[in-house]
N, C-alpha and C. Protein backbone atom coordinates (compact mmCIF):
# COMPACT_ATOMS: atom_id res chain seq x y z
N UNK A 1 0.86 -1.24 -0.17
CA UNK A 1 -0.02 0.02 -0.13
C UNK A 1 0.84 1.26 0.03
N UNK A 2 0.95 1.97 -0.95
CA UNK A 2 1.83 2.92 -1.02
C UNK A 2 0.86 4.52 -0.74
N UNK A 3 1.43 5.16 -0.04
CA UNK A 3 0.85 6.75 0.23
C UNK A 3 0.71 7.45 -0.74
N UNK A 4 -0.30 8.03 -0.97
CA UNK A 4 -0.68 8.99 -2.63
C UNK A 4 -0.50 10.29 -1.88
N UNK A 5 0.74 10.76 -1.71
CA UNK A 5 0.99 11.85 -0.91
C UNK A 5 0.36 13.27 -1.92
N UNK A 6 0.40 13.26 -3.21
CA UNK A 6 -0.11 14.14 -4.15
C UNK A 6 -1.53 14.38 -3.78
N UNK A 7 -2.47 13.25 -3.60
CA UNK A 7 -3.68 13.27 -3.74
C UNK A 7 -4.01 13.55 -2.19
N UNK A 8 -3.21 13.38 -1.17
CA UNK A 8 -3.42 13.46 0.30
C UNK A 8 -3.36 14.99 0.44
N UNK A 9 -2.45 15.59 -0.17
CA UNK A 9 -2.08 17.07 -0.28
C UNK A 9 -3.20 17.91 -0.84
N UNK A 10 -3.97 17.34 -2.03
CA UNK A 10 -4.96 17.92 -2.81
C UNK A 10 -6.45 17.80 -1.70
N UNK A 11 -6.28 16.66 -1.10
CA UNK A 11 -7.63 16.87 -0.07
C UNK A 11 -7.60 17.51 0.91
N UNK A 12 -6.20 17.74 1.71
CA UNK A 12 -6.06 18.50 2.91
C UNK A 12 -6.53 20.23 2.60
N UNK A 13 -5.69 20.67 1.00
CA UNK A 13 -6.07 21.90 0.86
C UNK A 13 -7.51 22.29 0.29
N UNK A 14 -7.92 21.03 -0.17
CA UNK A 14 -9.45 21.24 -0.55
C UNK A 14 -10.41 21.65 0.56
N UNK A 15 -10.17 20.56 1.79
CA UNK A 15 -11.00 20.70 2.99
C UNK A 15 -10.54 22.04 3.47
N UNK A 16 -9.40 22.37 3.74
CA UNK A 16 -9.06 23.83 4.32
C UNK A 16 -9.76 25.03 3.57
N UNK A 17 -9.75 24.69 2.42
CA UNK A 17 -10.21 25.82 1.51
C UNK A 17 -11.72 25.97 1.73
N UNK A 18 -12.54 25.06 2.11
CA UNK A 18 -13.79 24.76 2.32
C UNK A 18 -14.33 25.45 3.93
N UNK A 19 -13.05 25.38 4.64
CA UNK A 19 -13.33 25.26 6.12
C UNK A 19 -12.65 26.07 7.33
N UNK A 20 -11.47 26.46 6.83
CA UNK A 20 -10.55 27.15 7.41
C UNK A 20 -11.16 28.50 8.12
N UNK A 21 -12.38 29.00 7.53
CA UNK A 21 -13.01 30.14 8.13
C UNK A 21 -13.57 30.05 9.30
N UNK A 22 -14.08 28.51 9.66
CA UNK A 22 -15.03 28.51 10.85
C UNK A 22 -14.16 28.30 12.18
N UNK A 23 -14.54 29.00 12.79
CA UNK A 23 -13.90 29.23 14.28
C UNK A 23 -13.36 27.93 15.12
N UNK A 24 -14.01 26.82 14.90
CA UNK A 24 -14.10 25.46 15.47
C UNK A 24 -13.07 24.72 14.70
N UNK A 25 -12.61 24.98 13.48
CA UNK A 25 -11.89 24.08 12.39
C UNK A 25 -10.37 23.92 12.75
N UNK A 26 -9.93 23.14 13.71
CA UNK A 26 -8.60 22.95 14.04
C UNK A 26 -8.35 21.40 13.48
N UNK A 27 -6.95 21.41 13.97
CA UNK A 27 -6.14 19.82 13.50
C UNK A 27 -6.89 18.71 13.87
N UNK A 28 -7.74 18.56 14.97
CA UNK A 28 -8.51 17.55 15.46
C UNK A 28 -9.48 17.48 14.56
N UNK A 29 -10.35 18.04 14.04
CA UNK A 29 -11.36 18.36 13.30
C UNK A 29 -10.89 17.92 11.93
N UNK A 30 -9.78 18.43 11.34
CA UNK A 30 -9.18 18.17 10.10
C UNK A 30 -9.10 16.71 9.96
N UNK A 31 -8.15 16.41 10.97
CA UNK A 31 -7.66 15.12 10.74
C UNK A 31 -9.05 14.01 10.85
N UNK A 32 -9.88 14.07 11.72
CA UNK A 32 -10.86 13.23 11.65
C UNK A 32 -11.90 13.31 10.24
N UNK A 33 -11.80 14.35 9.83
CA UNK A 33 -12.66 14.65 8.21
C UNK A 33 -11.56 13.66 7.26
N UNK A 34 -10.51 14.04 7.59
CA UNK A 34 -9.81 13.08 6.37
C UNK A 34 -9.96 11.64 6.86
N UNK A 35 -9.98 11.52 8.03
CA UNK A 35 -10.25 9.77 8.38
C UNK A 35 -11.58 9.13 7.99
N UNK A 36 -12.77 10.17 7.75
CA UNK A 36 -14.03 9.69 7.62
C UNK A 36 -14.11 9.77 6.18
N UNK A 37 -13.30 10.41 5.18
CA UNK A 37 -13.13 10.55 3.78
C UNK A 37 -12.77 9.37 3.38
N UNK A 38 -11.54 8.87 3.98
CA UNK A 38 -10.93 7.62 3.56
C UNK A 38 -11.61 6.50 3.76
N UNK A 39 -12.01 6.33 5.15
CA UNK A 39 -12.89 5.12 5.50
C UNK A 39 -14.41 5.08 4.65
N UNK A 40 -14.58 6.33 4.57
CA UNK A 40 -15.96 6.10 3.81
C UNK A 40 -15.68 5.51 2.55
N UNK A 41 -14.60 6.24 1.74
CA UNK A 41 -14.54 5.82 0.31
C UNK A 41 -14.30 4.52 0.25
N UNK A 42 -13.40 4.00 1.21
CA UNK A 42 -13.51 2.51 1.12
C UNK A 42 -14.56 1.58 1.09
N UNK A 43 -15.21 2.09 2.19
CA UNK A 43 -16.63 1.36 2.63
C UNK A 43 -17.31 1.29 1.33
N UNK A 44 -17.33 2.40 0.31
CA UNK A 44 -18.53 2.42 -0.74
C UNK A 44 -17.79 1.77 -2.07
N UNK A 45 -16.27 2.02 -2.27
CA UNK A 45 -15.73 1.76 -3.55
C UNK A 45 -14.78 0.38 -3.16
N UNK A 46 -14.36 0.16 -2.00
CA UNK A 46 -13.32 -1.13 -1.94
C UNK A 46 -11.91 -0.76 -2.35
N UNK A 47 -12.02 0.77 -2.34
CA UNK A 47 -10.44 1.26 -2.46
C UNK A 47 -10.01 2.33 -1.91
N UNK A 48 -8.84 2.53 -1.40
CA UNK A 48 -8.18 3.68 -0.56
C UNK A 48 -7.91 4.87 -1.68
N UNK A 49 -8.52 5.94 -0.86
CA UNK A 49 -8.24 7.10 -1.89
C UNK A 49 -7.10 7.85 -1.60
N UNK A 50 -6.27 7.90 -0.20
CA UNK A 50 -5.00 8.21 -0.39
C UNK A 50 -4.01 7.25 0.38
N UNK A 51 -4.48 6.05 0.82
CA UNK A 51 -3.54 5.35 1.21
C UNK A 51 -2.70 5.91 2.59
N UNK A 52 -3.63 6.84 3.34
CA UNK A 52 -3.11 7.10 4.64
C UNK A 52 -3.34 6.04 5.41
N UNK A 53 -2.36 5.91 6.62
CA UNK A 53 -2.55 5.34 7.69
C UNK A 53 -3.04 5.96 8.69
N UNK A 54 -4.10 5.68 9.52
CA UNK A 54 -4.70 6.33 10.32
C UNK A 54 -4.29 5.65 12.12
N UNK A 55 -3.91 6.43 13.18
CA UNK A 55 -3.63 5.65 14.01
C UNK A 55 -4.25 6.07 15.20
N UNK A 56 -4.67 5.00 16.00
CA UNK A 56 -5.69 5.42 17.29
C UNK A 56 -5.07 5.97 18.26
N UNK A 57 -5.24 7.11 18.70
CA UNK A 57 -4.56 7.80 19.93
C UNK A 57 -5.47 8.19 20.88
N UNK A 58 -4.75 8.53 21.89
CA UNK A 58 -5.81 8.83 23.29
C UNK A 58 -6.41 10.27 22.64
N UNK A 59 -5.89 10.99 22.08
CA UNK A 59 -6.47 12.33 21.32
C UNK A 59 -7.37 12.18 20.21
N UNK A 60 -7.53 10.82 19.72
CA UNK A 60 -8.38 10.99 18.57
C UNK A 60 -7.71 9.84 17.34
N UNK A 61 -7.62 10.63 16.45
CA UNK A 61 -7.08 9.84 15.28
C UNK A 61 -5.96 10.79 14.62
N UNK A 62 -4.93 10.00 14.54
CA UNK A 62 -3.54 10.67 14.05
C UNK A 62 -3.39 10.12 12.64
N UNK A 63 -3.21 11.05 11.69
CA UNK A 63 -2.86 10.34 10.36
C UNK A 63 -1.33 10.43 10.35
N UNK A 64 -0.89 9.14 9.95
CA UNK A 64 0.63 9.27 10.09
C UNK A 64 1.61 10.24 9.53
N UNK A 65 1.00 10.60 8.15
CA UNK A 65 2.01 11.46 7.49
C UNK A 65 1.67 13.15 7.42
N UNK A 66 0.60 13.05 8.27
CA UNK A 66 -0.10 14.65 8.44
C UNK A 66 1.04 15.70 9.17
N UNK A 67 1.72 15.25 10.04
CA UNK A 67 2.96 16.06 10.39
C UNK A 67 3.76 16.49 9.41
N UNK A 68 4.18 15.55 8.88
CA UNK A 68 5.32 15.72 7.91
C UNK A 68 4.78 16.48 6.59
N UNK A 69 3.74 16.18 5.96
CA UNK A 69 3.14 17.01 4.86
C UNK A 69 2.61 18.33 5.34
N UNK A 70 2.25 18.64 6.43
CA UNK A 70 1.62 20.04 7.15
C UNK A 70 3.28 20.63 7.33
N UNK A 71 3.97 20.36 7.51
CA UNK A 71 5.13 21.10 7.86
C UNK A 71 5.84 21.28 6.41
N UNK A 72 5.83 20.42 5.49
CA UNK A 72 6.42 20.63 4.02
C UNK A 72 5.56 21.62 3.41
N UNK A 73 4.29 21.71 3.56
CA UNK A 73 3.09 22.94 3.09
C UNK A 73 3.48 24.04 3.55
N UNK A 74 3.72 24.22 4.88
CA UNK A 74 4.18 25.35 5.92
C UNK A 74 5.31 25.92 5.00
N UNK A 75 6.57 25.02 4.99
CA UNK A 75 7.85 25.54 4.55
C UNK A 75 7.91 25.93 3.03
N UNK A 76 6.85 25.49 2.40
CA UNK A 76 6.55 25.91 0.87
C UNK A 76 5.73 27.24 0.85
N UNK A 77 5.46 27.78 2.02
CA UNK A 77 4.45 29.00 2.02
C UNK A 77 3.12 28.41 1.26
N UNK A 78 2.73 27.14 1.34
CA UNK A 78 1.46 27.14 0.84
C UNK A 78 0.64 26.97 1.88
N UNK A 79 0.72 26.77 3.13
CA UNK A 79 -0.21 26.75 4.26
C UNK A 79 0.34 27.56 5.44
N UNK A 80 -0.40 28.24 6.20
CA UNK A 80 -0.06 28.87 7.62
C UNK A 80 -0.55 28.42 8.57
N UNK A 81 0.20 27.95 9.70
CA UNK A 81 -0.35 27.62 10.75
C UNK A 81 -0.47 28.42 11.79
N UNK A 82 -1.66 28.72 12.54
CA UNK A 82 -1.80 29.78 13.78
C UNK A 82 -2.58 29.00 14.97
N UNK A 83 -1.93 29.13 16.14
CA UNK A 83 -2.47 28.47 17.35
C UNK A 83 -3.43 29.66 18.07
N UNK A 84 -4.72 29.32 18.30
CA UNK A 84 -5.57 30.32 18.91
C UNK A 84 -6.49 29.64 20.00
N UNK A 85 -6.83 30.68 20.79
CA UNK A 85 -7.70 30.18 22.06
C UNK A 85 -9.01 29.92 21.34
N UNK A 86 -9.74 28.57 21.71
CA UNK A 86 -10.96 28.34 21.24
C UNK A 86 -11.82 27.93 22.67
N UNK A 87 -12.63 28.86 23.39
CA UNK A 87 -13.03 28.84 24.64
C UNK A 87 -11.86 28.26 25.53
N UNK A 88 -12.01 26.95 26.04
CA UNK A 88 -10.69 26.81 27.24
C UNK A 88 -9.52 26.19 26.41
N UNK A 89 -9.86 25.93 25.53
CA UNK A 89 -8.62 24.89 24.73
C UNK A 89 -7.76 25.96 23.74
N UNK A 90 -6.56 25.40 23.27
CA UNK A 90 -5.66 26.14 22.09
C UNK A 90 -6.04 25.20 21.00
N UNK A 91 -6.05 25.50 19.92
CA UNK A 91 -6.23 24.83 18.93
C UNK A 91 -5.31 25.27 17.77
N UNK A 92 -4.62 24.20 16.89
CA UNK A 92 -3.96 24.37 15.72
C UNK A 92 -5.11 24.59 14.43
N UNK A 93 -4.86 25.92 13.92
CA UNK A 93 -5.92 26.04 12.79
C UNK A 93 -4.75 26.25 11.79
N UNK A 94 -5.27 25.76 10.47
CA UNK A 94 -4.24 25.63 9.33
C UNK A 94 -5.17 26.51 8.16
N UNK A 95 -4.43 27.51 7.69
CA UNK A 95 -5.29 28.26 6.38
C UNK A 95 -4.11 28.28 5.19
N UNK A 96 -5.01 27.81 3.97
CA UNK A 96 -4.32 27.95 2.88
C UNK A 96 -3.92 29.03 2.52
N UNK A 97 -2.72 29.31 1.81
CA UNK A 97 -2.25 30.59 1.09
C UNK A 97 -2.27 30.32 -0.20
N UNK A 98 -2.97 29.23 -1.08
CA UNK A 98 -2.96 29.40 -2.10
C UNK A 98 -4.42 28.90 -2.73
N UNK A 99 -4.65 29.05 -3.69
CA UNK A 99 -6.17 28.49 -3.99
C UNK A 99 -5.97 27.19 -4.53
N UNK A 100 -6.50 26.09 -3.99
CA UNK A 100 -6.16 24.90 -4.61
C UNK A 100 -6.86 24.50 -5.76
N UNK A 101 -6.62 23.58 -6.58
CA UNK A 101 -7.08 23.24 -8.00
C UNK A 101 -7.30 21.50 -7.98
N UNK A 102 -8.50 21.29 -6.94
CA UNK A 102 -8.61 19.73 -6.75
C UNK A 102 -8.90 19.05 -8.40
N UNK A 103 -8.28 17.74 -8.04
CA UNK A 103 -8.42 17.06 -9.11
C UNK A 103 -9.19 15.64 -8.88
N UNK A 104 -10.30 15.77 -8.01
CA UNK A 104 -11.21 14.79 -7.87
C UNK A 104 -12.04 14.18 -8.69
N UNK A 105 -12.46 13.03 -8.72
CA UNK A 105 -13.27 12.30 -9.75
C UNK A 105 -14.73 12.75 -9.09
N UNK A 106 -15.80 12.55 -9.70
CA UNK A 106 -17.29 12.84 -9.08
C UNK A 106 -17.46 12.10 -7.76
N UNK A 107 -16.94 10.81 -8.12
CA UNK A 107 -17.46 9.96 -6.90
C UNK A 107 -16.46 10.35 -5.32
N UNK A 108 -15.26 10.74 -5.75
CA UNK A 108 -14.33 11.19 -4.75
C UNK A 108 -15.01 12.40 -4.26
N UNK A 109 -15.38 13.49 -5.00
CA UNK A 109 -16.17 14.63 -4.42
C UNK A 109 -17.29 14.49 -3.59
N UNK A 110 -18.00 13.30 -4.30
CA UNK A 110 -19.22 13.22 -3.52
C UNK A 110 -19.03 12.73 -2.13
N UNK A 111 -18.04 11.70 -1.72
CA UNK A 111 -17.45 11.43 -0.39
C UNK A 111 -17.16 12.87 0.48
N UNK A 112 -16.20 13.51 -0.19
CA UNK A 112 -15.49 14.69 0.50
C UNK A 112 -16.43 15.81 0.86
N UNK A 113 -17.57 16.20 -0.07
CA UNK A 113 -18.24 17.00 0.26
C UNK A 113 -19.17 16.73 1.49
N UNK A 114 -19.66 15.21 1.30
CA UNK A 114 -20.19 14.61 2.37
C UNK A 114 -19.92 14.89 3.64
N UNK A 115 -18.61 14.26 3.74
CA UNK A 115 -17.83 14.59 4.79
C UNK A 115 -17.99 15.76 5.50
N UNK A 116 -17.41 16.70 4.48
CA UNK A 116 -17.21 18.12 4.98
C UNK A 116 -18.57 18.93 5.50
N UNK A 117 -19.77 18.54 4.63
CA UNK A 117 -21.25 19.18 5.25
C UNK A 117 -21.45 18.52 6.54
N UNK A 118 -21.15 17.34 6.73
CA UNK A 118 -21.63 16.51 7.74
C UNK A 118 -20.91 16.62 9.21
N UNK A 119 -19.54 16.77 9.08
CA UNK A 119 -18.93 16.90 10.39
C UNK A 119 -17.96 18.14 10.33
N UNK A 120 -17.89 19.30 9.71
CA UNK A 120 -16.95 20.40 9.94
C UNK A 120 -17.54 21.62 10.80
N UNK A 121 -18.76 21.25 11.06
CA UNK A 121 -19.46 22.33 12.17
C UNK A 121 -19.10 21.80 13.62
N UNK A 122 -18.76 20.55 13.78
CA UNK A 122 -18.33 20.03 15.15
C UNK A 122 -17.00 20.77 15.62
N UNK A 123 -17.07 20.30 17.25
CA UNK A 123 -15.61 21.20 17.80
C UNK A 123 -14.84 19.67 17.71
N UNK A 124 -13.58 19.92 18.38
CA UNK A 124 -13.05 18.68 18.51
C UNK A 124 -13.37 17.74 19.49
N UNK A 125 -14.02 18.33 20.59
CA UNK A 125 -14.23 17.01 21.80
C UNK A 125 -15.68 16.30 20.85
N UNK A 126 -16.64 16.93 20.28
CA UNK A 126 -17.77 16.44 19.70
C UNK A 126 -17.49 15.60 18.51
N UNK A 127 -16.28 15.80 17.76
CA UNK A 127 -15.79 15.00 16.68
C UNK A 127 -15.27 13.76 17.19
N UNK A 128 -14.61 13.84 18.23
CA UNK A 128 -13.64 12.79 18.83
C UNK A 128 -14.45 11.86 19.41
N UNK A 129 -15.65 12.17 20.24
CA UNK A 129 -16.50 11.08 20.92
C UNK A 129 -17.12 10.46 19.87
N UNK A 130 -17.60 11.13 18.75
CA UNK A 130 -18.24 10.50 17.55
C UNK A 130 -17.54 9.42 16.78
N UNK A 131 -16.27 9.90 16.74
CA UNK A 131 -15.16 9.02 15.89
C UNK A 131 -14.74 7.66 16.85
N UNK A 132 -14.82 7.59 18.28
CA UNK A 132 -14.27 6.59 19.01
C UNK A 132 -15.42 5.67 18.93
N UNK A 133 -16.53 5.75 18.49
CA UNK A 133 -17.50 4.83 18.51
C UNK A 133 -17.83 4.20 17.23
N UNK A 134 -16.88 4.66 16.15
CA UNK A 134 -16.86 3.99 14.69
C UNK A 134 -16.11 2.37 14.98
N UNK A 135 -16.84 1.49 14.34
CA UNK A 135 -16.33 0.43 14.67
C UNK A 135 -15.00 -0.06 14.45
N UNK A 136 -14.31 0.59 12.92
CA UNK A 136 -13.05 0.41 12.99
C UNK A 136 -11.87 1.03 14.18
N UNK A 137 -12.28 2.11 14.63
CA UNK A 137 -11.65 2.86 16.01
C UNK A 137 -11.92 1.99 17.36
N UNK A 138 -13.13 1.25 17.42
CA UNK A 138 -13.38 0.38 18.40
C UNK A 138 -12.22 -0.68 18.48
N UNK A 139 -12.06 -1.26 17.34
CA UNK A 139 -11.41 -2.55 17.19
C UNK A 139 -9.81 -2.18 17.56
N UNK A 140 -9.29 -1.05 16.98
CA UNK A 140 -7.88 -0.65 17.01
C UNK A 140 -7.49 -0.59 18.53
N UNK A 141 -6.20 -0.96 19.03
CA UNK A 141 -5.58 -0.49 20.34
C UNK A 141 -5.05 0.88 19.81
N UNK A 142 -4.92 1.61 21.25
CA UNK A 142 -4.18 2.63 21.26
C UNK A 142 -2.75 2.63 20.77
N UNK A 143 -2.39 3.48 19.87
CA UNK A 143 -0.92 3.44 19.03
C UNK A 143 -0.90 2.82 17.72
N UNK A 144 -1.91 1.75 17.56
CA UNK A 144 -1.95 1.06 16.48
C UNK A 144 -2.42 1.52 15.30
N UNK A 145 -2.30 1.20 14.13
CA UNK A 145 -3.00 1.57 12.64
C UNK A 145 -4.52 1.02 12.79
N UNK A 146 -5.40 1.83 12.34
CA UNK A 146 -6.67 1.55 12.35
C UNK A 146 -6.92 0.77 11.09
N UNK A 147 -7.73 -0.43 10.99
CA UNK A 147 -7.66 -1.51 9.89
C UNK A 147 -8.84 -0.68 8.91
N UNK A 148 -8.72 -0.85 7.69
CA UNK A 148 -9.91 -0.27 6.66
C UNK A 148 -10.90 -1.10 6.70
N UNK A 149 -10.60 -2.31 6.77
CA UNK A 149 -11.55 -3.70 6.66
C UNK A 149 -12.62 -3.62 7.55
N UNK A 150 -12.39 -3.00 8.69
CA UNK A 150 -13.43 -2.97 9.68
C UNK A 150 -14.75 -2.01 9.48
N UNK A 151 -14.61 -1.33 8.22
CA UNK A 151 -15.68 -0.45 8.03
C UNK A 151 -17.03 -1.17 7.60
N UNK A 152 -16.65 -2.61 7.23
CA UNK A 152 -17.74 -3.27 6.49
C UNK A 152 -18.38 -3.82 8.02
N UNK A 153 -18.02 -3.51 9.34
CA UNK A 153 -18.77 -4.09 10.32
C UNK A 153 -19.64 -2.71 11.10
N UNK A 154 -19.58 -1.38 10.22
CA UNK A 154 -20.14 -0.42 10.57
C UNK A 154 -21.75 -0.30 10.79
N UNK A 155 -22.35 0.20 11.68
CA UNK A 155 -23.97 0.20 11.95
C UNK A 155 -24.37 1.42 11.06
N UNK A 156 -25.72 1.48 11.45
CA UNK A 156 -26.34 2.58 10.29
C UNK A 156 -26.02 3.95 10.83
N UNK A 157 -25.43 4.13 11.99
CA UNK A 157 -24.73 5.68 12.11
C UNK A 157 -23.53 6.00 11.63
N UNK A 158 -22.83 4.98 11.09
CA UNK A 158 -21.69 5.27 10.58
C UNK A 158 -21.72 4.80 9.19
N UNK A 159 -22.61 3.93 8.75
CA UNK A 159 -22.22 3.38 7.38
C UNK A 159 -22.81 4.37 6.51
N UNK A 160 -22.00 4.44 5.36
CA UNK A 160 -22.43 4.91 4.14
C UNK A 160 -23.24 4.38 3.24
N UNK A 161 -23.42 3.26 3.50
CA UNK A 161 -24.30 2.49 2.61
C UNK A 161 -25.92 2.88 3.00
N UNK A 162 -25.99 3.36 3.84
CA UNK A 162 -27.61 3.53 4.31
C UNK A 162 -27.45 5.50 4.20
N UNK A 163 -27.56 6.02 3.25
CA UNK A 163 -27.29 7.45 3.04
C UNK A 163 -28.23 8.22 4.21
N UNK A 164 -29.04 7.45 4.57
CA UNK A 164 -30.29 8.53 5.24
C UNK A 164 -29.76 8.80 6.60
N UNK A 165 -28.52 8.05 7.36
CA UNK A 165 -28.20 8.16 8.52
C UNK A 165 -26.57 8.52 8.42
N UNK A 166 -26.08 9.68 7.62
CA UNK A 166 -24.85 9.89 7.51
C UNK A 166 -24.00 10.62 8.82
N UNK A 167 -23.16 10.08 9.14
CA UNK A 167 -22.20 10.91 10.02
C UNK A 167 -22.73 11.08 11.14
N UNK A 168 -22.63 12.02 11.63
CA UNK A 168 -23.24 12.71 13.14
C UNK A 168 -24.51 12.71 13.07
N UNK A 169 -25.47 12.22 13.77
CA UNK A 169 -26.92 12.47 13.33
C UNK A 169 -27.44 13.59 14.36
N UNK A 170 -28.28 14.46 13.61
CA UNK A 170 -28.68 15.76 14.23
C UNK A 170 -29.86 15.16 15.00
N UNK A 171 -30.18 15.49 16.44
CA UNK A 171 -30.99 15.12 17.10
C UNK A 171 -32.00 16.27 17.91
C-alpha cells in the first residue's frame, strides 16, 4: 500500500479551502474528516483514496503523514499555521495561502463534500466522541493503525451504505 502524497495534499488543501474560516476548525477536526473520507470511500468503493495510515491515539485519530506533509506545506508557504484560543482550549488552525485546484473524480468529490458538510461544524470534543464509536476505531488498540477492513462492520449510524443516517446524526 503506497501512500498517495499528491492526493493527500490535494485533499487537505481542498478541505481547508472549504472550512478554514470556521472558528471550530482545527487540526483534530481536520484529521477526523480525513479519516472519515478515506474510510467512507473504502466502504463504498473498496479502494483507498489516499492510502494514508490512521493511528488510534488517546486524543483521537492521528494520520501518520499529517505532520510531515503539513510542515512541508508550511515551509513552501502554501499553508499557514496559527495557534488560537477556542473557549478553554488551544487549537492548531491551518489556513491555505494558495487556491487549490482539486483533481478529484465525481465519486471522490461526493464523499469529500458529504464528510465536510456532515462533520465540519463540530468541535474537537464532539467529533472525537463520535469517532471513537466507529467500529474500526473500537477494534484498534491505542498506538496501532486503524484497519480499513472494519468499515464493513459499521452500523447505520456510521455506514455510508445507508445514506439516510450519515455521520453525526442531528437530534
